[in-house]
N, C-alpha and C. Protein backbone atom coordinates (compact mmCIF):
# COMPACT_ATOMS: atom_id res chain seq x y z
N MET A 1 -9.73 85.59 -5.94
CA MET A 1 -7.43 85.26 -4.54
C MET A 1 -7.70 83.10 -4.63
N THR A 2 -6.84 82.93 -4.85
CA THR A 2 -6.46 82.19 -4.42
C THR A 2 -5.28 82.04 -3.95
N GLY A 3 -5.15 80.34 -2.77
CA GLY A 3 -5.01 80.43 -1.67
C GLY A 3 -4.47 80.96 -0.91
N LEU A 4 -6.07 80.46 -0.54
CA LEU A 4 -6.05 81.20 1.47
C LEU A 4 -5.59 80.41 2.16
N ARG A 5 -5.11 80.24 3.15
CA ARG A 5 -5.20 78.70 3.70
C ARG A 5 -6.21 79.95 4.82
N ILE A 6 -7.46 79.28 5.15
CA ILE A 6 -7.91 79.85 6.29
C ILE A 6 -7.50 77.99 7.25
N GLY A 7 -8.00 77.75 8.73
CA GLY A 7 -7.52 76.33 9.27
C GLY A 7 -8.31 77.24 10.65
N ARG A 8 -9.81 76.85 11.37
CA ARG A 8 -9.96 76.73 12.75
C ARG A 8 -8.68 76.69 13.43
N VAL A 9 -9.93 77.72 14.66
CA VAL A 9 -8.24 78.31 15.96
C VAL A 9 -8.57 76.73 16.50
N ASP A 10 -7.12 76.13 16.63
CA ASP A 10 -7.11 74.70 17.28
C ASP A 10 -5.51 74.65 18.42
N GLY A 11 -5.44 75.43 18.62
CA GLY A 11 -3.87 75.42 19.84
C GLY A 11 -3.01 76.58 19.94
N SER A 12 -2.75 77.09 20.78
CA SER A 12 -2.06 78.24 21.53
C SER A 12 -1.96 79.80 20.08
N ALA A 13 -0.90 79.08 19.17
CA ALA A 13 -0.21 79.87 18.14
C ALA A 13 -1.58 79.93 17.24
N LYS A 14 -2.61 79.66 16.69
CA LYS A 14 -3.32 80.60 16.20
C LYS A 14 -4.54 81.25 17.19
N LEU A 15 -5.38 81.39 18.37
CA LEU A 15 -4.89 81.62 19.56
C LEU A 15 -4.41 83.27 19.33
N VAL A 16 -3.36 82.57 18.79
CA VAL A 16 -2.19 84.39 19.53
C VAL A 16 -2.81 84.52 17.98
N ASP A 17 -2.94 84.48 16.63
CA ASP A 17 -3.12 85.13 15.64
C ASP A 17 -4.41 85.42 15.57
N TRP A 18 -5.41 84.66 15.51
CA TRP A 18 -6.68 84.66 16.48
C TRP A 18 -6.74 86.51 16.87
N ARG A 19 -6.68 86.30 17.97
CA ARG A 19 -6.05 87.32 19.48
C ARG A 19 -5.99 89.03 18.43
N TYR A 20 -4.55 88.84 18.48
CA TYR A 20 -3.33 90.20 16.75
C TYR A 20 -4.65 89.97 16.15
N VAL A 21 -5.13 90.15 15.80
CA VAL A 21 -6.26 90.57 14.64
C VAL A 21 -8.01 90.90 14.70
N HIS A 22 -8.15 90.42 16.28
CA HIS A 22 -8.73 91.65 16.86
C HIS A 22 -8.62 92.22 17.45
N ASN A 23 -7.06 92.48 17.76
CA ASN A 23 -7.44 92.73 18.80
C ASN A 23 -7.05 94.25 18.05
N ALA A 24 -6.41 93.97 17.50
CA ALA A 24 -6.36 95.45 16.08
C ALA A 24 -7.42 95.58 15.36
N ILE A 25 -8.16 95.11 15.30
CA ILE A 25 -9.49 95.43 13.80
C ILE A 25 -10.25 96.30 15.18
N ILE A 26 -10.36 95.36 16.47
CA ILE A 26 -11.80 96.04 17.93
C ILE A 26 -10.61 96.42 19.23
N PRO A 27 -10.38 97.59 18.52
CA PRO A 27 -9.40 98.41 20.09
C PRO A 27 -10.12 98.80 21.01
N THR A 28 -11.17 98.14 21.01
CA THR A 28 -11.68 99.08 21.83
C THR A 28 -12.50 97.97 23.13
N ALA A 29 -12.17 96.95 22.51
CA ALA A 29 -12.85 96.13 23.71
C ALA A 29 -11.72 94.71 22.93
N VAL A 30 -10.89 95.26 23.24
CA VAL A 30 -9.22 94.39 24.03
C VAL A 30 -9.83 93.50 24.51
N LEU A 31 -8.98 92.00 23.41
CA LEU A 31 -9.23 91.15 24.62
C LEU A 31 -7.86 89.58 25.20
N SER A 32 -7.30 89.64 25.86
CA SER A 32 -7.07 88.67 26.77
C SER A 32 -6.80 87.02 25.60
N LEU A 33 -5.15 85.93 26.07
CA LEU A 33 -5.92 85.08 25.69
C LEU A 33 -7.10 84.00 26.38
N ALA A 34 -7.16 84.40 28.15
CA ALA A 34 -7.49 83.69 28.27
C ALA A 34 -8.90 84.59 27.62
N GLU A 35 -9.50 85.41 27.55
CA GLU A 35 -10.68 85.62 27.32
C GLU A 35 -10.96 84.98 25.61
N VAL A 36 -9.40 84.98 24.87
CA VAL A 36 -9.92 84.44 23.36
C VAL A 36 -9.72 83.28 23.58
N ASP A 37 -9.25 82.00 24.32
CA ASP A 37 -10.06 80.46 24.72
C ASP A 37 -10.29 79.93 25.16
N GLU A 38 -11.35 81.04 25.92
CA GLU A 38 -12.54 81.07 26.75
C GLU A 38 -13.32 80.64 25.68
N ARG A 39 -13.68 81.98 25.01
CA ARG A 39 -14.93 82.43 23.44
C ARG A 39 -14.34 80.76 22.24
N ALA A 40 -12.88 81.15 21.40
CA ALA A 40 -12.76 79.24 21.13
C ALA A 40 -13.63 78.08 22.28
N ARG A 41 -13.60 77.85 23.11
CA ARG A 41 -14.32 77.02 23.58
C ARG A 41 -15.68 77.06 23.09
N ARG A 42 -16.50 77.98 22.94
CA ARG A 42 -18.06 77.42 22.52
C ARG A 42 -18.66 78.71 21.59
N ASN A 43 -17.83 79.08 20.90
CA ASN A 43 -18.20 79.52 19.48
C ASN A 43 -16.87 79.08 17.93
N ARG A 44 -17.08 79.08 17.29
CA ARG A 44 -16.42 78.95 15.76
C ARG A 44 -14.89 79.77 15.10
N PRO A 45 -13.87 79.76 15.81
CA PRO A 45 -12.51 80.78 15.44
C PRO A 45 -12.14 80.38 14.96
N ALA A 46 -11.23 81.16 13.43
CA ALA A 46 -10.53 80.43 12.35
C ALA A 46 -9.44 81.81 12.27
N VAL A 47 -8.15 81.09 11.03
CA VAL A 47 -7.68 82.46 11.31
C VAL A 47 -7.35 82.57 10.13
N ALA A 48 -6.60 82.78 8.82
CA ALA A 48 -6.62 82.85 7.81
C ALA A 48 -4.96 83.61 6.81
N TYR A 49 -4.84 82.66 6.50
CA TYR A 49 -2.58 82.67 6.42
C TYR A 49 -2.96 82.94 4.40
N PRO A 50 -2.67 83.76 3.79
CA PRO A 50 -2.04 83.39 2.12
C PRO A 50 -0.49 83.09 2.48
N GLY A 51 -0.04 83.35 2.55
CA GLY A 51 0.99 82.60 3.06
C GLY A 51 1.47 82.27 4.87
N GLU A 52 2.19 82.33 4.90
CA GLU A 52 2.69 81.86 6.44
C GLU A 52 2.28 83.84 7.78
N VAL A 53 2.25 84.47 6.87
CA VAL A 53 1.48 86.16 7.94
C VAL A 53 -0.07 85.78 7.70
N VAL A 54 -0.35 86.18 9.05
CA VAL A 54 -2.01 86.53 9.30
C VAL A 54 -2.46 86.98 8.55
N VAL A 55 -3.42 87.02 7.73
CA VAL A 55 -4.05 89.01 7.68
C VAL A 55 -5.66 88.51 8.17
N GLY A 56 -6.32 87.55 8.28
CA GLY A 56 -8.08 87.81 8.83
C GLY A 56 -7.64 87.04 10.03
N CYS A 57 -9.48 87.47 10.32
CA CYS A 57 -9.75 85.65 11.15
C CYS A 57 -11.85 86.07 10.62
N SER A 58 -11.53 84.73 11.57
CA SER A 58 -13.58 84.83 10.96
C SER A 58 -13.47 84.17 12.89
N THR A 59 -15.50 83.87 12.89
CA THR A 59 -15.48 83.49 13.95
C THR A 59 -17.39 83.48 13.53
N VAL A 60 -17.82 82.61 14.06
CA VAL A 60 -18.98 81.34 14.03
C VAL A 60 -19.43 81.44 14.86
N ARG A 61 -20.25 82.38 15.76
CA ARG A 61 -21.44 82.66 17.08
C ARG A 61 -23.27 80.89 16.64
N PRO A 62 -22.25 80.07 16.72
CA PRO A 62 -23.40 78.74 17.27
C PRO A 62 -24.93 79.15 17.92
N PRO A 63 -25.60 78.66 16.80
CA PRO A 63 -27.36 79.96 17.37
C PRO A 63 -27.33 78.90 19.06
N ALA A 64 -28.44 79.71 20.09
CA ALA A 64 -28.47 79.03 21.64
C ALA A 64 -29.70 78.50 21.50
N ALA A 65 -29.77 77.64 22.30
CA ALA A 65 -30.66 76.10 22.19
C ALA A 65 -31.91 76.33 22.27
N ASP A 66 -31.96 77.83 22.31
CA ASP A 66 -33.83 78.74 22.74
C ASP A 66 -34.09 79.76 21.30
N ASP A 67 -33.09 79.60 20.09
CA ASP A 67 -33.03 80.72 19.15
C ASP A 67 -32.38 79.86 18.11
N ALA A 68 -32.50 80.17 16.72
CA ALA A 68 -31.69 80.06 15.64
C ALA A 68 -30.70 81.09 15.26
N VAL A 69 -30.46 81.87 15.85
CA VAL A 69 -29.69 82.83 15.45
C VAL A 69 -27.72 82.94 15.00
N ALA A 70 -27.26 82.65 14.04
CA ALA A 70 -26.24 82.39 14.30
C ALA A 70 -25.81 84.05 13.87
N THR A 71 -24.10 84.34 14.74
CA THR A 71 -23.57 85.30 14.10
C THR A 71 -22.64 85.25 13.32
N VAL A 72 -21.51 85.44 12.25
CA VAL A 72 -20.96 85.30 10.93
C VAL A 72 -20.18 86.73 11.30
N ILE A 73 -19.12 86.85 11.82
CA ILE A 73 -18.33 87.88 11.66
C ILE A 73 -16.60 87.25 10.84
N ALA A 74 -15.98 88.12 10.13
CA ALA A 74 -15.41 88.42 9.12
C ALA A 74 -14.40 89.31 8.93
N ARG A 75 -13.13 89.14 9.50
CA ARG A 75 -12.11 90.36 10.15
C ARG A 75 -10.67 90.27 8.72
N VAL A 76 -10.17 91.47 8.22
CA VAL A 76 -8.64 91.70 7.80
C VAL A 76 -8.07 92.52 7.62
N LEU A 77 -6.61 92.44 7.64
CA LEU A 77 -6.56 92.91 8.81
C LEU A 77 -6.61 94.01 7.41
N PRO A 78 -5.92 95.16 7.95
CA PRO A 78 -6.37 96.80 7.04
C PRO A 78 -5.42 97.07 5.63
N ASP A 79 -3.80 96.19 5.99
CA ASP A 79 -3.04 96.19 5.45
C ASP A 79 -3.13 94.76 4.07
N HIS A 80 -3.83 94.01 4.32
CA HIS A 80 -3.98 93.33 3.43
C HIS A 80 -6.03 93.46 3.04
N ARG A 81 -7.34 94.58 3.19
CA ARG A 81 -7.95 94.54 3.05
C ARG A 81 -7.69 94.78 0.02
N GLY A 82 -9.12 94.78 0.98
CA GLY A 82 -9.10 94.81 -0.83
C GLY A 82 -9.02 93.96 -1.65
N ARG A 83 -8.87 92.67 -1.43
CA ARG A 83 -7.84 91.42 -2.00
C ARG A 83 -8.47 90.31 -2.48
N GLY A 84 -9.58 90.45 -1.60
CA GLY A 84 -11.44 88.83 -2.00
C GLY A 84 -11.26 88.14 -0.73
N PHE A 85 -10.24 88.59 1.10
CA PHE A 85 -9.48 87.92 1.71
C PHE A 85 -11.07 87.49 2.38
N GLY A 86 -11.99 89.08 2.51
CA GLY A 86 -12.62 89.16 3.48
C GLY A 86 -13.30 87.84 3.05
N GLY A 87 -13.89 88.21 1.41
CA GLY A 87 -14.95 87.43 1.13
C GLY A 87 -14.64 85.27 0.65
N GLN A 88 -13.59 85.17 0.76
CA GLN A 88 -12.44 83.71 1.77
C GLN A 88 -13.63 83.88 3.17
N LEU A 89 -13.63 84.55 3.54
CA LEU A 89 -13.32 83.81 4.87
C LEU A 89 -14.83 84.21 5.17
N TYR A 90 -15.46 85.09 4.74
CA TYR A 90 -16.54 85.34 4.91
C TYR A 90 -18.09 83.83 4.66
N ALA A 91 -17.67 84.10 2.94
CA ALA A 91 -18.34 82.16 2.86
C ALA A 91 -18.70 81.08 2.87
N GLN A 92 -17.29 81.10 3.52
CA GLN A 92 -17.71 79.46 5.24
C GLN A 92 -18.97 79.60 6.14
N GLY A 93 -18.83 81.00 6.46
CA GLY A 93 -19.79 82.30 7.63
C GLY A 93 -21.17 80.97 7.35
N PRO A 94 -21.60 81.43 6.77
CA PRO A 94 -23.62 81.09 6.93
C PRO A 94 -23.57 79.69 6.41
N ALA A 95 -22.34 79.59 5.75
CA ALA A 95 -22.69 77.36 5.44
C ALA A 95 -22.80 76.51 6.79
N GLU A 96 -21.93 77.00 7.69
CA GLU A 96 -21.41 76.05 8.87
C GLU A 96 -22.43 76.27 9.75
N ALA A 97 -23.27 78.20 9.73
CA ALA A 97 -23.72 78.91 10.91
C ALA A 97 -25.32 77.86 10.49
N ARG A 98 -25.65 77.71 9.26
CA ARG A 98 -26.58 77.04 8.76
C ARG A 98 -26.00 75.55 9.74
N ALA A 99 -25.48 74.62 9.19
CA ALA A 99 -24.81 73.28 9.55
C ALA A 99 -25.90 74.05 11.16
N LEU A 100 -25.34 73.97 11.84
CA LEU A 100 -25.58 74.14 13.17
C LEU A 100 -26.59 74.71 13.65
N GLY A 101 -27.50 74.78 12.54
CA GLY A 101 -29.24 74.90 13.28
C GLY A 101 -28.95 75.87 12.69
N ALA A 102 -28.59 76.94 12.24
CA ALA A 102 -29.43 79.04 12.30
C ALA A 102 -29.71 78.75 10.69
N ASP A 103 -30.92 79.41 11.58
CA ASP A 103 -32.15 79.82 10.61
C ASP A 103 -31.65 81.38 10.93
N VAL A 104 -31.64 82.80 11.67
CA VAL A 104 -30.94 84.02 10.67
C VAL A 104 -29.61 84.19 11.23
N ILE A 105 -29.11 85.03 10.49
CA ILE A 105 -27.14 85.51 9.98
C ILE A 105 -27.08 86.73 11.22
N GLU A 106 -26.97 86.65 11.33
CA GLU A 106 -26.40 88.43 11.79
C GLU A 106 -24.86 88.87 12.20
N THR A 107 -24.38 89.37 11.32
CA THR A 107 -23.49 89.36 12.08
C THR A 107 -22.94 91.13 12.87
N CYS A 108 -21.55 91.73 13.06
CA CYS A 108 -21.37 92.93 14.18
C CYS A 108 -20.20 93.74 13.62
N VAL A 109 -19.85 95.25 13.27
CA VAL A 109 -18.81 96.08 12.82
C VAL A 109 -18.95 96.61 13.77
N LEU A 110 -17.65 97.23 14.69
CA LEU A 110 -17.22 98.67 14.66
C LEU A 110 -17.44 98.98 14.31
N GLU A 111 -18.53 100.94 14.47
CA GLU A 111 -18.20 102.30 13.05
C GLU A 111 -17.19 102.76 13.11
N SER A 112 -16.16 102.50 13.71
CA SER A 112 -15.46 102.90 13.00
C SER A 112 -14.01 102.72 12.43
N SER A 113 -15.52 101.77 11.43
CA SER A 113 -14.66 100.53 10.59
C SER A 113 -15.48 100.75 9.75
N PRO A 114 -15.67 101.58 8.00
CA PRO A 114 -16.44 102.15 7.10
C PRO A 114 -15.99 100.60 6.31
N GLU A 115 -15.26 100.25 6.24
CA GLU A 115 -14.71 99.18 4.90
C GLU A 115 -15.83 98.10 5.55
N GLY A 116 -16.13 97.10 6.96
CA GLY A 116 -16.62 96.19 7.34
C GLY A 116 -17.77 96.89 6.83
N LEU A 117 -18.49 98.15 7.23
CA LEU A 117 -19.84 98.23 8.00
C LEU A 117 -20.21 97.85 5.66
N ARG A 118 -19.16 98.87 4.31
CA ARG A 118 -19.56 98.31 3.29
C ARG A 118 -19.68 96.99 3.07
N PHE A 119 -18.92 96.01 3.63
CA PHE A 119 -18.96 94.76 3.13
C PHE A 119 -19.91 94.18 3.80
N ALA A 120 -20.16 94.15 4.98
CA ALA A 120 -21.91 93.56 4.87
C ALA A 120 -22.83 94.43 4.51
N LEU A 121 -22.89 95.35 4.57
CA LEU A 121 -24.59 95.67 3.46
C LEU A 121 -24.05 95.67 2.36
N GLU A 122 -23.38 95.86 1.14
CA GLU A 122 -22.61 94.69 0.31
C GLU A 122 -23.42 93.02 0.08
N ARG A 123 -23.10 92.82 1.26
CA ARG A 123 -23.38 91.09 1.36
C ARG A 123 -24.75 90.98 1.50
N GLY A 124 -26.05 91.99 2.09
CA GLY A 124 -26.81 92.09 1.78
C GLY A 124 -27.69 91.78 3.52
N PHE A 125 -26.98 92.54 4.36
CA PHE A 125 -27.48 92.29 5.47
C PHE A 125 -27.73 93.80 6.18
N VAL A 126 -28.76 94.29 6.90
CA VAL A 126 -29.32 95.75 7.00
C VAL A 126 -28.53 95.68 8.20
N GLU A 127 -29.20 97.08 8.82
CA GLU A 127 -28.09 97.53 10.24
C GLU A 127 -30.12 97.60 11.30
N THR A 128 -29.57 96.51 11.84
CA THR A 128 -30.91 96.36 13.15
C THR A 128 -30.52 97.18 14.41
N GLU A 129 -29.05 97.78 14.90
CA GLU A 129 -28.81 98.86 16.31
C GLU A 129 -27.17 98.54 16.66
N ARG A 130 -27.90 100.02 16.77
CA ARG A 130 -26.34 100.54 17.16
C ARG A 130 -25.98 100.61 18.63
N TYR A 131 -24.98 100.76 19.80
CA TYR A 131 -24.90 100.71 21.09
C TYR A 131 -23.27 100.28 21.92
N VAL A 132 -23.07 101.06 22.78
CA VAL A 132 -21.63 101.90 22.81
C VAL A 132 -22.16 100.46 24.62
N LEU A 133 -20.89 99.97 24.00
CA LEU A 133 -20.08 99.13 25.29
C LEU A 133 -19.49 100.34 26.40
N ALA A 134 -20.16 99.65 27.50
CA ALA A 134 -20.10 100.91 29.11
C ALA A 134 -19.12 100.78 28.41
N GLY A 135 -17.94 102.56 28.99
CA GLY A 135 -16.48 102.56 29.07
C GLY A 135 -15.87 102.97 27.74
N ASP A 136 -16.70 102.74 26.57
CA ASP A 136 -16.39 103.14 25.43
C ASP A 136 -17.25 104.18 24.39
N SER A 137 -16.34 104.45 23.44
CA SER A 137 -17.52 105.89 23.49
C SER A 137 -17.84 104.74 21.69
N VAL A 138 -17.47 104.28 20.81
CA VAL A 138 -17.49 104.08 20.02
C VAL A 138 -18.52 102.37 19.40
N PRO A 139 -19.28 103.53 18.77
CA PRO A 139 -20.37 102.52 18.97
C PRO A 139 -20.24 100.57 18.42
N PHE A 140 -21.27 99.55 18.30
CA PHE A 140 -20.90 98.72 17.39
C PHE A 140 -22.05 98.58 16.80
N ILE A 141 -22.38 98.02 15.48
CA ILE A 141 -23.80 98.27 14.34
C ILE A 141 -23.89 96.62 14.29
N ASP A 142 -25.18 96.37 14.98
CA ASP A 142 -25.13 94.83 14.69
C ASP A 142 -26.33 95.25 13.03
N LEU A 143 -26.59 93.73 13.02
CA LEU A 143 -26.51 93.80 10.90
C LEU A 143 -27.44 92.71 11.39
N ARG A 144 -28.12 92.56 9.83
CA ARG A 144 -28.74 90.96 10.25
C ARG A 144 -29.06 90.60 8.88
N LEU A 145 -28.46 89.00 8.56
CA LEU A 145 -29.60 89.00 6.97
C LEU A 145 -30.33 89.28 6.16
N ALA A 146 -30.96 90.19 5.73
CA ALA A 146 -32.29 90.03 5.22
C ALA A 146 -32.45 88.80 3.89
């Protein structure tokens, strides 16, 4: 797949697009625009477009000062899966995380996304934990790159 334009979230239009993808894929943890803006200040969010329509988003959560663990997340809207977009989104994440000082790469998938879990497992991630956020019923799955 070629022609996917991946751009860092650097303004309100991209914040809106990132939020749209996140909220569509993670309906149990819907974020407001203010929450997305706050996350964009501490993380490295990006959005993906094969043309003018957003098809996915990604996030790199840099390692904290006291550890070398980063989280890399790639999400593709259901109607756009199976076209290689997820692989392209994900490919940039580990390299960026390592450039930020990460020795360990993790990801997180909502249990109701078997495609997302399969994607992570196919790339060498192994499950480390399942948990349910307060007030939710669908577990999140944390995975670590082996």
